[in-house]
Amino acid sequence: MNAGKPEERARLLTWERLEDDLFAAAACTSQVYVFSLEGCVEQGFIECIAAIDWRRARRDLSARDWRAIRRRRALFRLALRAERLADVLYPSRAPSG
């Protein structure tokens, strides 16, 4: 496990927190991705994820919350596009050696 020290282990995500995060994400999209499946395996979360009743995902967001979510998604997509454009306009230079 990557978290060998007690202070590192204390920062690991609990199942309850991960489940809350998954439900919050599922309320906004039909596809949810988990960044570290290895971490989920190490903590024994894979079976829990497989057993989730996705119908429990929050869908009771207000119109204001949905607008804020759409606005943040649009800004994030714009930032990703700008990064690609910056790579084209200002390519990184390999160190001369």
PDB file of N, CA and C in Angstrom:
ATOM      1  N   MET A   1       0.853  -1.171   0.000  1.00  0.00           N
ATOM      2  CA  MET A   1       0.000   0.000   0.000  1.00  0.00           C
ATOM      3  C   MET A   1       0.899   1.234   0.000  1.00  0.00           C
ATOM      4  N   ASN A   2       0.520   2.255  -0.713  1.00  0.00           N
ATOM      5  CA  ASN A   2       1.320   3.466  -0.823  1.00  0.00           C
ATOM      6  C   ASN A   2       1.399   4.243   0.484  1.00  0.00           C
ATOM      7  N   ALA A   3       0.438   4.089   1.341  1.00  0.00           N
ATOM      8  CA  ALA A   3       0.405   4.841   2.592  1.00  0.00           C
ATOM      9  C   ALA A   3       0.966   3.971   3.700  1.00  0.00           C
ATOM     10  N   GLY A   4       2.262   4.073   3.932  1.00  0.00           N
ATOM     11  CA  GLY A   4       2.900   3.239   4.942  1.00  0.00           C
ATOM     12  C   GLY A   4       2.950   3.882   6.305  1.00  0.00           C
ATOM     13  N   LYS A   5       3.074   5.208   6.341  1.00  0.00           N
ATOM     14  CA  LYS A   5       3.175   5.914   7.611  1.00  0.00           C
ATOM     15  C   LYS A   5       1.782   6.204   8.159  1.00  0.00           C
ATOM     16  N   PRO A   6       1.656   6.275   9.483  1.00  0.00           N
ATOM     17  CA  PRO A   6       0.335   6.539  10.077  1.00  0.00           C
ATOM     18  C   PRO A   6      -0.312   7.828   9.576  1.00  0.00           C
ATOM     19  N   GLU A   7       0.480   8.889   9.410  1.00  0.00           N
ATOM     20  CA  GLU A   7      -0.095  10.152   8.935  1.00  0.00           C
ATOM     21  C   GLU A   7      -0.575  10.041   7.484  1.00  0.00           C
ATOM     22  N   GLU A   8       0.075   9.187   6.686  1.00  0.00           N
ATOM     23  CA  GLU A   8      -0.381   8.951   5.304  1.00  0.00           C
ATOM     24  C   GLU A   8      -1.664   8.136   5.310  1.00  0.00           C
ATOM     25  N   ARG A   9      -1.727   7.137   6.164  1.00  0.00           N
ATOM     26  CA  ARG A   9      -2.922   6.286   6.237  1.00  0.00           C
ATOM     27  C   ARG A   9      -4.134   7.089   6.719  1.00  0.00           C
ATOM     28  N   ALA A  10      -3.900   8.074   7.564  1.00  0.00           N
ATOM     29  CA  ALA A  10      -5.004   8.895   8.082  1.00  0.00           C
ATOM     30  C   ALA A  10      -5.638   9.722   6.977  1.00  0.00           C
ATOM     31  N   ARG A  11      -4.892   9.988   5.908  1.00  0.00           N
ATOM     32  CA  ARG A  11      -5.421  10.802   4.809  1.00  0.00           C
ATOM     33  C   ARG A  11      -6.151   9.969   3.758  1.00  0.00           C
ATOM     34  N   LEU A  12      -6.129   8.638   3.881  1.00  0.00           N
ATOM     35  CA  LEU A  12      -6.812   7.795   2.900  1.00  0.00           C
ATOM     36  C   LEU A  12      -8.311   8.050   2.947  1.00  0.00           C
ATOM     37  N   LEU A  13      -8.922   7.976   1.791  1.00  0.00           N
ATOM     38  CA  LEU A  13     -10.358   8.188   1.671  1.00  0.00           C
ATOM     39  C   LEU A  13     -11.106   7.010   2.287  1.00  0.00           C
ATOM     40  N   THR A  14     -12.105   7.314   3.101  1.00  0.00           N
ATOM     41  CA  THR A  14     -12.929   6.249   3.679  1.00  0.00           C
ATOM     42  C   THR A  14     -13.974   5.819   2.653  1.00  0.00           C
ATOM     43  N   TRP A  15     -14.565   4.659   2.872  1.00  0.00           N
ATOM     44  CA  TRP A  15     -15.604   4.195   1.961  1.00  0.00           C
ATOM     45  C   TRP A  15     -16.783   5.169   1.968  1.00  0.00           C
ATOM     46  N   GLU A  16     -17.165   5.659   3.136  1.00  0.00           N
ATOM     47  CA  GLU A  16     -18.307   6.569   3.227  1.00  0.00           C
ATOM     48  C   GLU A  16     -18.064   7.833   2.401  1.00  0.00           C
ATOM     49  N   ARG A  17     -16.855   8.373   2.483  1.00  0.00           N
ATOM     50  CA  ARG A  17     -16.530   9.592   1.723  1.00  0.00           C
ATOM     51  C   ARG A  17     -16.502   9.307   0.219  1.00  0.00           C
ATOM     52  N   LEU A  18     -15.904   8.180  -0.164  1.00  0.00           N
ATOM     53  CA  LEU A  18     -15.862   7.816  -1.576  1.00  0.00           C
ATOM     54  C   LEU A  18     -17.271   7.607  -2.115  1.00  0.00           C
ATOM     55  N   GLU A  19     -18.117   6.916  -1.360  1.00  0.00           N
ATOM     56  CA  GLU A  19     -19.491   6.685  -1.797  1.00  0.00           C
ATOM     57  C   GLU A  19     -20.236   8.008  -1.970  1.00  0.00           C
ATOM     58  N   ASP A  20     -20.071   8.928  -1.032  1.00  0.00           N
ATOM     59  CA  ASP A  20     -20.696  10.255  -1.151  1.00  0.00           C
ATOM     60  C   ASP A  20     -20.217  10.962  -2.415  1.00  0.00           C
ATOM     61  N   ASP A  21     -18.914  10.909  -2.670  1.00  0.00           N
ATOM     62  CA  ASP A  21     -18.357  11.546  -3.868  1.00  0.00           C
ATOM     63  C   ASP A  21     -18.899  10.902  -5.145  1.00  0.00           C
ATOM     64  N   LEU A  22     -19.004   9.572  -5.142  1.00  0.00           N
ATOM     65  CA  LEU A  22     -19.526   8.874  -6.321  1.00  0.00           C
ATOM     66  C   LEU A  22     -20.980   9.252  -6.577  1.00  0.00           C
ATOM     67  N   PHE A  23     -21.777   9.321  -5.520  1.00  0.00           N
ATOM     68  CA  PHE A  23     -23.179   9.714  -5.687  1.00  0.00           C
ATOM     69  C   PHE A  23     -23.307  11.159  -6.156  1.00  0.00           C
ATOM     70  N   ALA A  24     -22.467  12.041  -5.624  1.00  0.00           N
ATOM     71  CA  ALA A  24     -22.501  13.440  -6.056  1.00  0.00           C
ATOM     72  C   ALA A  24     -22.150  13.541  -7.536  1.00  0.00           C
ATOM     73  N   ALA A  25     -21.156  12.794  -7.977  1.00  0.00           N
ATOM     74  CA  ALA A  25     -20.780  12.806  -9.393  1.00  0.00           C
ATOM     75  C   ALA A  25     -21.887  12.204 -10.248  1.00  0.00           C
ATOM     76  N   ALA A  26     -22.473  11.114  -9.790  1.00  0.00           N
ATOM     77  CA  ALA A  26     -23.526  10.440 -10.555  1.00  0.00           C
ATOM     78  C   ALA A  26     -24.773  11.295 -10.692  1.00  0.00           C
ATOM     79  N   ALA A  27     -24.944  12.259  -9.804  1.00  0.00           N
ATOM     80  CA  ALA A  27     -26.095  13.157  -9.910  1.00  0.00           C
ATOM     81  C   ALA A  27     -25.940  14.103 -11.096  1.00  0.00           C
ATOM     82  N   CYS A  28     -24.709  14.260 -11.566  1.00  0.00           N
ATOM     83  CA  CYS A  28     -24.434  15.232 -12.633  1.00  0.00           C
ATOM     84  C   CYS A  28     -24.095  14.596 -13.976  1.00  0.00           C
ATOM     85  N   THR A  29     -23.870  13.309 -14.002  1.00  0.00           N
ATOM     86  CA  THR A  29     -23.453  12.672 -15.241  1.00  0.00           C
ATOM     87  C   THR A  29     -23.837  11.196 -15.221  1.00  0.00           C
ATOM     88  N   SER A  30     -23.892  10.602 -16.372  1.00  0.00           N
ATOM     89  CA  SER A  30     -24.230   9.177 -16.432  1.00  0.00           C
ATOM     90  C   SER A  30     -22.975   8.300 -16.412  1.00  0.00           C
ATOM     91  N   GLN A  31     -21.793   8.908 -16.480  1.00  0.00           N
ATOM     92  CA  GLN A  31     -20.541   8.147 -16.437  1.00  0.00           C
ATOM     93  C   GLN A  31     -19.665   8.695 -15.323  1.00  0.00           C
ATOM     94  N   VAL A  32     -19.232   7.808 -14.444  1.00  0.00           N
ATOM     95  CA  VAL A  32     -18.377   8.193 -13.327  1.00  0.00           C
ATOM     96  C   VAL A  32     -17.091   7.383 -13.446  1.00  0.00           C
ATOM     97  N   TYR A  33     -15.972   8.077 -13.347  1.00  0.00           N
ATOM     98  CA  TYR A  33     -14.673   7.425 -13.444  1.00  0.00           C
ATOM     99  C   TYR A  33     -13.958   7.514 -12.103  1.00  0.00           C
ATOM    100  N   VAL A  34     -13.273   6.435 -11.739  1.00  0.00           N
ATOM    101  CA  VAL A  34     -12.493   6.390 -10.508  1.00  0.00           C
ATOM    102  C   VAL A  34     -11.028   6.486 -10.906  1.00  0.00           C
ATOM    103  N   PHE A  35     -10.324   7.466 -10.355  1.00  0.00           N
ATOM    104  CA  PHE A  35      -8.941   7.720 -10.740  1.00  0.00           C
ATOM    105  C   PHE A  35      -8.021   6.571 -10.357  1.00  0.00           C
ATOM    106  N   SER A  36      -8.132   6.066  -9.143  1.00  0.00           N
ATOM    107  CA  SER A  36      -7.188   5.055  -8.674  1.00  0.00           C
ATOM    108  C   SER A  36      -7.901   3.756  -8.323  1.00  0.00           C
ATOM    109  N   LEU A  37      -8.069   2.926  -9.323  1.00  0.00           N
ATOM    110  CA  LEU A  37      -8.668   1.616  -9.051  1.00  0.00           C
ATOM    111  C   LEU A  37      -7.731   0.774  -8.184  1.00  0.00           C
ATOM    112  N   GLU A  38      -6.418   0.986  -8.332  1.00  0.00           N
ATOM    113  CA  GLU A  38      -5.464   0.248  -7.502  1.00  0.00           C
ATOM    114  C   GLU A  38      -5.699   0.560  -6.024  1.00  0.00           C
ATOM    115  N   GLY A  39      -5.915   1.841  -5.724  1.00  0.00           N
ATOM    116  CA  GLY A  39      -6.200   2.229  -4.346  1.00  0.00           C
ATOM    117  C   GLY A  39      -7.491   1.616  -3.843  1.00  0.00           C
ATOM    118  N   CYS A  40      -8.493   1.535  -4.728  1.00  0.00           N
ATOM    119  CA  CYS A  40      -9.760   0.913  -4.342  1.00  0.00           C
ATOM    120  C   CYS A  40      -9.579  -0.573  -4.057  1.00  0.00           C
ATOM    121  N   VAL A  41      -8.759  -1.238  -4.856  1.00  0.00           N
ATOM    122  CA  VAL A  41      -8.479  -2.657  -4.616  1.00  0.00           C
ATOM    123  C   VAL A  41      -7.761  -2.819  -3.281  1.00  0.00           C
ATOM    124  N   GLU A  42      -6.735  -1.988  -3.041  1.00  0.00           N
ATOM    125  CA  GLU A  42      -5.965  -2.086  -1.800  1.00  0.00           C
ATOM    126  C   GLU A  42      -6.848  -1.899  -0.567  1.00  0.00           C
ATOM    127  N   GLN A  43      -7.848  -1.033  -0.666  1.00  0.00           N
ATOM    128  CA  GLN A  43      -8.714  -0.759   0.480  1.00  0.00           C
ATOM    129  C   GLN A  43      -9.969  -1.623   0.498  1.00  0.00           C
ATOM    130  N   GLY A  44     -10.130  -2.499  -0.484  1.00  0.00           N
ATOM    131  CA  GLY A  44     -11.283  -3.395  -0.510  1.00  0.00           C
ATOM    132  C   GLY A  44     -12.578  -2.740  -0.942  1.00  0.00           C
ATOM    133  N   PHE A  45     -12.483  -1.686  -1.777  1.00  0.00           N
ATOM    134  CA  PHE A  45     -13.668  -0.940  -2.195  1.00  0.00           C
ATOM    135  C   PHE A  45     -14.300  -1.464  -3.483  1.00  0.00           C
ATOM    136  N   ILE A  46     -13.632  -2.313  -4.215  1.00  0.00           N
ATOM    137  CA  ILE A  46     -14.143  -2.743  -5.528  1.00  0.00           C
ATOM    138  C   ILE A  46     -15.506  -3.432  -5.381  1.00  0.00           C
ATOM    139  N   GLU A  47     -15.618  -4.335  -4.430  1.00  0.00           N
ATOM    140  CA  GLU A  47     -16.893  -5.024  -4.228  1.00  0.00           C
ATOM    141  C   GLU A  47     -17.989  -4.039  -3.820  1.00  0.00           C
ATOM    142  N   CYS A  48     -17.619  -3.063  -3.014  1.00  0.00           N
ATOM    143  CA  CYS A  48     -18.590  -2.047  -2.586  1.00  0.00           C
ATOM    144  C   CYS A  48     -19.057  -1.218  -3.777  1.00  0.00           C
ATOM    145  N   ILE A  49     -18.116  -0.834  -4.645  1.00  0.00           N
ATOM    146  CA  ILE A  49     -18.476  -0.053  -5.834  1.00  0.00           C
ATOM    147  C   ILE A  49     -19.400  -0.870  -6.729  1.00  0.00           C
ATOM    148  N   ALA A  50     -19.085  -2.145  -6.903  1.00  0.00           N
ATOM    149  CA  ALA A  50     -19.905  -3.006  -7.755  1.00  0.00           C
ATOM    150  C   ALA A  50     -21.317  -3.163  -7.204  1.00  0.00           C
ATOM    151  N   ALA A  51     -21.473  -3.040  -5.891  1.00  0.00           N
ATOM    152  CA  ALA A  51     -22.778  -3.256  -5.261  1.00  0.00           C
ATOM    153  C   ALA A  51     -23.600  -1.968  -5.104  1.00  0.00           C
ATOM    154  N   ILE A  52     -23.077  -0.839  -5.566  1.00  0.00           N
ATOM    155  CA  ILE A  52     -23.793   0.433  -5.385  1.00  0.00           C
ATOM    156  C   ILE A  52     -25.124   0.425  -6.130  1.00  0.00           C
ATOM    157  N   ASP A  53     -26.141   0.924  -5.471  1.00  0.00           N
ATOM    158  CA  ASP A  53     -27.439   1.152  -6.108  1.00  0.00           C
ATOM    159  C   ASP A  53     -27.432   2.588  -6.623  1.00  0.00           C
ATOM    160  N   TRP A  54     -27.110   2.749  -7.904  1.00  0.00           N
ATOM    161  CA  TRP A  54     -26.915   4.078  -8.482  1.00  0.00           C
ATOM    162  C   TRP A  54     -28.195   4.902  -8.513  1.00  0.00           C
ATOM    163  N   ARG A  55     -29.327   4.275  -8.292  1.00  0.00           N
ATOM    164  CA  ARG A  55     -30.581   5.032  -8.239  1.00  0.00           C
ATOM    165  C   ARG A  55     -30.637   5.936  -7.019  1.00  0.00           C
ATOM    166  N   ARG A  56     -29.753   5.692  -6.052  1.00  0.00           N
ATOM    167  CA  ARG A  56     -29.716   6.525  -4.847  1.00  0.00           C
ATOM    168  C   ARG A  56     -28.971   7.835  -5.072  1.00  0.00           C
ATOM    169  N   ALA A  57     -28.395   8.023  -6.245  1.00  0.00           N
ATOM    170  CA  ALA A  57     -27.638   9.250  -6.522  1.00  0.00           C
ATOM    171  C   ALA A  57     -28.546  10.472  -6.396  1.00  0.00           C
ATOM    172  N   ARG A  58     -27.999  11.526  -5.835  1.00  0.00           N
ATOM    173  CA  ARG A  58     -28.772  12.761  -5.657  1.00  0.00           C
ATOM    174  C   ARG A  58     -29.148  13.343  -7.009  1.00  0.00           C
ATOM    175  N   ARG A  59     -30.387  13.655  -7.160  1.00  0.00           N
ATOM    176  CA  ARG A  59     -30.860  14.312  -8.375  1.00  0.00           C
ATOM    177  C   ARG A  59     -31.691  15.544  -8.003  1.00  0.00           C
ATOM    178  N   ASP A  60     -31.634  15.908  -6.735  1.00  0.00           N
ATOM    179  CA  ASP A  60     -32.477  16.991  -6.239  1.00  0.00           C
ATOM    180  C   ASP A  60     -31.771  18.353  -6.243  1.00  0.00           C
ATOM    181  N   LEU A  61     -30.884  18.552  -7.180  1.00  0.00           N
ATOM    182  CA  LEU A  61     -30.189  19.830  -7.253  1.00  0.00           C
ATOM    183  C   LEU A  61     -31.133  20.913  -7.775  1.00  0.00           C
ATOM    184  N   SER A  62     -30.933  22.108  -7.274  1.00  0.00           N
ATOM    185  CA  SER A  62     -31.765  23.228  -7.713  1.00  0.00           C
ATOM    186  C   SER A  62     -31.325  23.674  -9.109  1.00  0.00           C
ATOM    187  N   ALA A  63     -32.171  24.468  -9.748  1.00  0.00           N
ATOM    188  CA  ALA A  63     -31.833  25.011 -11.071  1.00  0.00           C
ATOM    189  C   ALA A  63     -30.559  25.838 -10.980  1.00  0.00           C
ATOM    190  N   ARG A  64     -30.390  26.554  -9.895  1.00  0.00           N
ATOM    191  CA  ARG A  64     -29.173  27.354  -9.700  1.00  0.00           C
ATOM    192  C   ARG A  64     -27.931  26.466  -9.635  1.00  0.00           C
ATOM    193  N   ASP A  65     -28.034  25.344  -8.899  1.00  0.00           N
ATOM    194  CA  ASP A  65     -26.908  24.414  -8.810  1.00  0.00           C
ATOM    195  C   ASP A  65     -26.568  23.833 -10.181  1.00  0.00           C
ATOM    196  N   TRP A  66     -27.590  23.460 -10.954  1.00  0.00           N
ATOM    197  CA  TRP A  66     -27.348  22.910 -12.287  1.00  0.00           C
ATOM    198  C   TRP A  66     -26.661  23.934 -13.184  1.00  0.00           C
ATOM    199  N   ARG A  67     -27.084  25.201 -13.096  1.00  0.00           N
ATOM    200  CA  ARG A  67     -26.428  26.254 -13.888  1.00  0.00           C
ATOM    201  C   ARG A  67     -24.964  26.393 -13.489  1.00  0.00           C
ATOM    202  N   ALA A  68     -24.697  26.360 -12.202  1.00  0.00           N
ATOM    203  CA  ALA A  68     -23.319  26.464 -11.721  1.00  0.00           C
ATOM    204  C   ALA A  68     -22.485  25.283 -12.214  1.00  0.00           C
ATOM    205  N   ILE A  69     -23.058  24.099 -12.205  1.00  0.00           N
ATOM    206  CA  ILE A  69     -22.354  22.912 -12.694  1.00  0.00           C
ATOM    207  C   ILE A  69     -22.045  23.054 -14.179  1.00  0.00           C
ATOM    208  N   ARG A  70     -23.029  23.468 -14.952  1.00  0.00           N
ATOM    209  CA  ARG A  70     -22.802  23.640 -16.396  1.00  0.00           C
ATOM    210  C   ARG A  70     -21.753  24.711 -16.669  1.00  0.00           C
ATOM    211  N   ARG A  71     -21.779  25.772 -15.895  1.00  0.00           N
ATOM    212  CA  ARG A  71     -20.810  26.859 -16.062  1.00  0.00           C
ATOM    213  C   ARG A  71     -19.389  26.357 -15.755  1.00  0.00           C
ATOM    214  N   ARG A  72     -19.240  25.610 -14.680  1.00  0.00           N
ATOM    215  CA  ARG A  72     -17.915  25.071 -14.318  1.00  0.00           C
ATOM    216  C   ARG A  72     -17.423  24.085 -15.369  1.00  0.00           C
ATOM    217  N   ARG A  73     -18.309  23.247 -15.874  1.00  0.00           N
ATOM    218  CA  ARG A  73     -17.913  22.312 -16.935  1.00  0.00           C
ATOM    219  C   ARG A  73     -17.438  23.064 -18.177  1.00  0.00           C
ATOM    220  N   ALA A  74     -18.167  24.107 -18.551  1.00  0.00           N
ATOM    221  CA  ALA A  74     -17.790  24.891 -19.726  1.00  0.00           C
ATOM    222  C   ALA A  74     -16.432  25.546 -19.517  1.00  0.00           C
ATOM    223  N   LEU A  75     -16.197  26.091 -18.327  1.00  0.00           N
ATOM    224  CA  LEU A  75     -14.907  26.710 -18.041  1.00  0.00           C
ATOM    225  C   LEU A  75     -13.779  25.689 -18.056  1.00  0.00           C
ATOM    226  N   PHE A  76     -14.051  24.508 -17.535  1.00  0.00           N
ATOM    227  CA  PHE A  76     -13.037  23.460 -17.525  1.00  0.00           C
ATOM    228  C   PHE A  76     -12.711  23.016 -18.957  1.00  0.00           C
ATOM    229  N   ARG A  77     -13.742  22.827 -19.780  1.00  0.00           N
ATOM    230  CA  ARG A  77     -13.509  22.457 -21.187  1.00  0.00           C
ATOM    231  C   ARG A  77     -12.713  23.541 -21.903  1.00  0.00           C
ATOM    232  N   LEU A  78     -13.031  24.800 -21.642  1.00  0.00           N
ATOM    233  CA  LEU A  78     -12.299  25.911 -22.237  1.00  0.00           C
ATOM    234  C   LEU A  78     -10.836  25.881 -21.808  1.00  0.00           C
ATOM    235  N   ALA A  79     -10.588  25.621 -20.542  1.00  0.00           N
ATOM    236  CA  ALA A  79      -9.212  25.551 -20.048  1.00  0.00           C
ATOM    237  C   ALA A  79      -8.451  24.411 -20.727  1.00  0.00           C
ATOM    238  N   LEU A  80      -9.101  23.278 -20.922  1.00  0.00           N
ATOM    239  CA  LEU A  80      -8.443  22.155 -21.594  1.00  0.00           C
ATOM    240  C   LEU A  80      -8.121  22.497 -23.046  1.00  0.00           C
ATOM    241  N   ARG A  81      -9.031  23.155 -23.720  1.00  0.00           N
ATOM    242  CA  ARG A  81      -8.777  23.570 -25.107  1.00  0.00           C
ATOM    243  C   ARG A  81      -7.654  24.607 -25.161  1.00  0.00           C
ATOM    244  N   ALA A  82      -7.650  25.539 -24.225  1.00  0.00           N
ATOM    245  CA  ALA A  82      -6.612  26.561 -24.184  1.00  0.00           C
ATOM    246  C   ALA A  82      -5.251  25.934 -23.945  1.00  0.00           C
ATOM    247  N   GLU A  83      -5.208  24.892 -23.136  1.00  0.00           N
ATOM    248  CA  GLU A  83      -3.936  24.211 -22.889  1.00  0.00           C
ATOM    249  C   GLU A  83      -3.408  23.586 -24.173  1.00  0.00           C
ATOM    250  N   ARG A  84      -4.278  22.944 -24.939  1.00  0.00           N
ATOM    251  CA  ARG A  84      -3.840  22.357 -26.215  1.00  0.00           C
ATOM    252  C   ARG A  84      -3.337  23.431 -27.159  1.00  0.00           C
ATOM    253  N   LEU A  85      -4.042  24.562 -27.207  1.00  0.00           N
ATOM    254  CA  LEU A  85      -3.626  25.662 -28.065  1.00  0.00           C
ATOM    255  C   LEU A  85      -2.280  26.221 -27.611  1.00  0.00           C
ATOM    256  N   ALA A  86      -2.096  26.343 -26.306  1.00  0.00           N
ATOM    257  CA  ALA A  86      -0.818  26.830 -25.785  1.00  0.00           C
ATOM    258  C   ALA A  86       0.323  25.884 -26.166  1.00  0.00           C
ATOM    259  N   ASP A  87       0.064  24.577 -26.162  1.00  0.00           N
ATOM    260  CA  ASP A  87       1.092  23.613 -26.571  1.00  0.00           C
ATOM    261  C   ASP A  87       1.480  23.794 -28.029  1.00  0.00           C
ATOM    262  N   VAL A  88       0.506  24.148 -28.864  1.00  0.00           N
ATOM    263  CA  VAL A  88       0.799  24.365 -30.287  1.00  0.00           C
ATOM    264  C   VAL A  88       1.553  25.680 -30.476  1.00  0.00           C
ATOM    265  N   LEU A  89       1.083  26.719 -29.815  1.00  0.00           N
ATOM    266  CA  LEU A  89       1.700  28.033 -29.986  1.00  0.00           C
ATOM    267  C   LEU A  89       3.047  28.160 -29.277  1.00  0.00           C
ATOM    268  N   TYR A  90       3.176  27.514 -28.149  1.00  0.00           N
ATOM    269  CA  TYR A  90       4.397  27.600 -27.348  1.00  0.00           C
ATOM    270  C   TYR A  90       4.876  26.195 -26.986  1.00  0.00           C
ATOM    271  N   PRO A  91       5.415  25.460 -27.967  1.00  0.00           N
ATOM    272  CA  PRO A  91       5.845  24.096 -27.672  1.00  0.00           C
ATOM    273  C   PRO A  91       6.981  24.087 -26.659  1.00  0.00           C
ATOM    274  N   SER A  92       6.993  23.078 -25.845  1.00  0.00           N
ATOM    275  CA  SER A  92       8.084  22.976 -24.867  1.00  0.00           C
ATOM    276  C   SER A  92       9.354  22.601 -25.600  1.00  0.00           C
ATOM    277  N   ARG A  93      10.438  23.038 -25.065  1.00  0.00           N
ATOM    278  CA  ARG A  93      11.738  22.763 -25.701  1.00  0.00           C
ATOM    279  C   ARG A  93      12.475  21.740 -24.877  1.00  0.00           C
ATOM    280  N   ALA A  94      13.018  20.760 -25.590  1.00  0.00           N
ATOM    281  CA  ALA A  94      13.817  19.734 -24.912  1.00  0.00           C
ATOM    282  C   ALA A  94      15.136  20.377 -24.491  1.00  0.00           C
ATOM    283  N   PRO A  95      15.629  20.006 -23.320  1.00  0.00           N
ATOM    284  CA  PRO A  95      16.896  20.587 -22.872  1.00  0.00           C
ATOM    285  C   PRO A  95      18.034  20.184 -23.821  1.00  0.00           C
ATOM    286  N   SER A  96      18.873  21.130 -24.116  1.00  0.00           N
ATOM    287  CA  SER A  96      20.008  20.816 -25.012  1.00  0.00           C
ATOM    288  C   SER A  96      21.063  20.102 -24.199  1.00  0.00           C
ATOM    289  N   GLY A  97      21.649  19.121 -24.845  1.00  0.00           N
ATOM    290  CA  GLY A  97      22.485  18.363 -24.011  1.00  0.00           C
ATOM    291  C   GLY A  97      23.682  17.787 -24.438  1.00  0.00           C
TER     292      GLY A  97
END
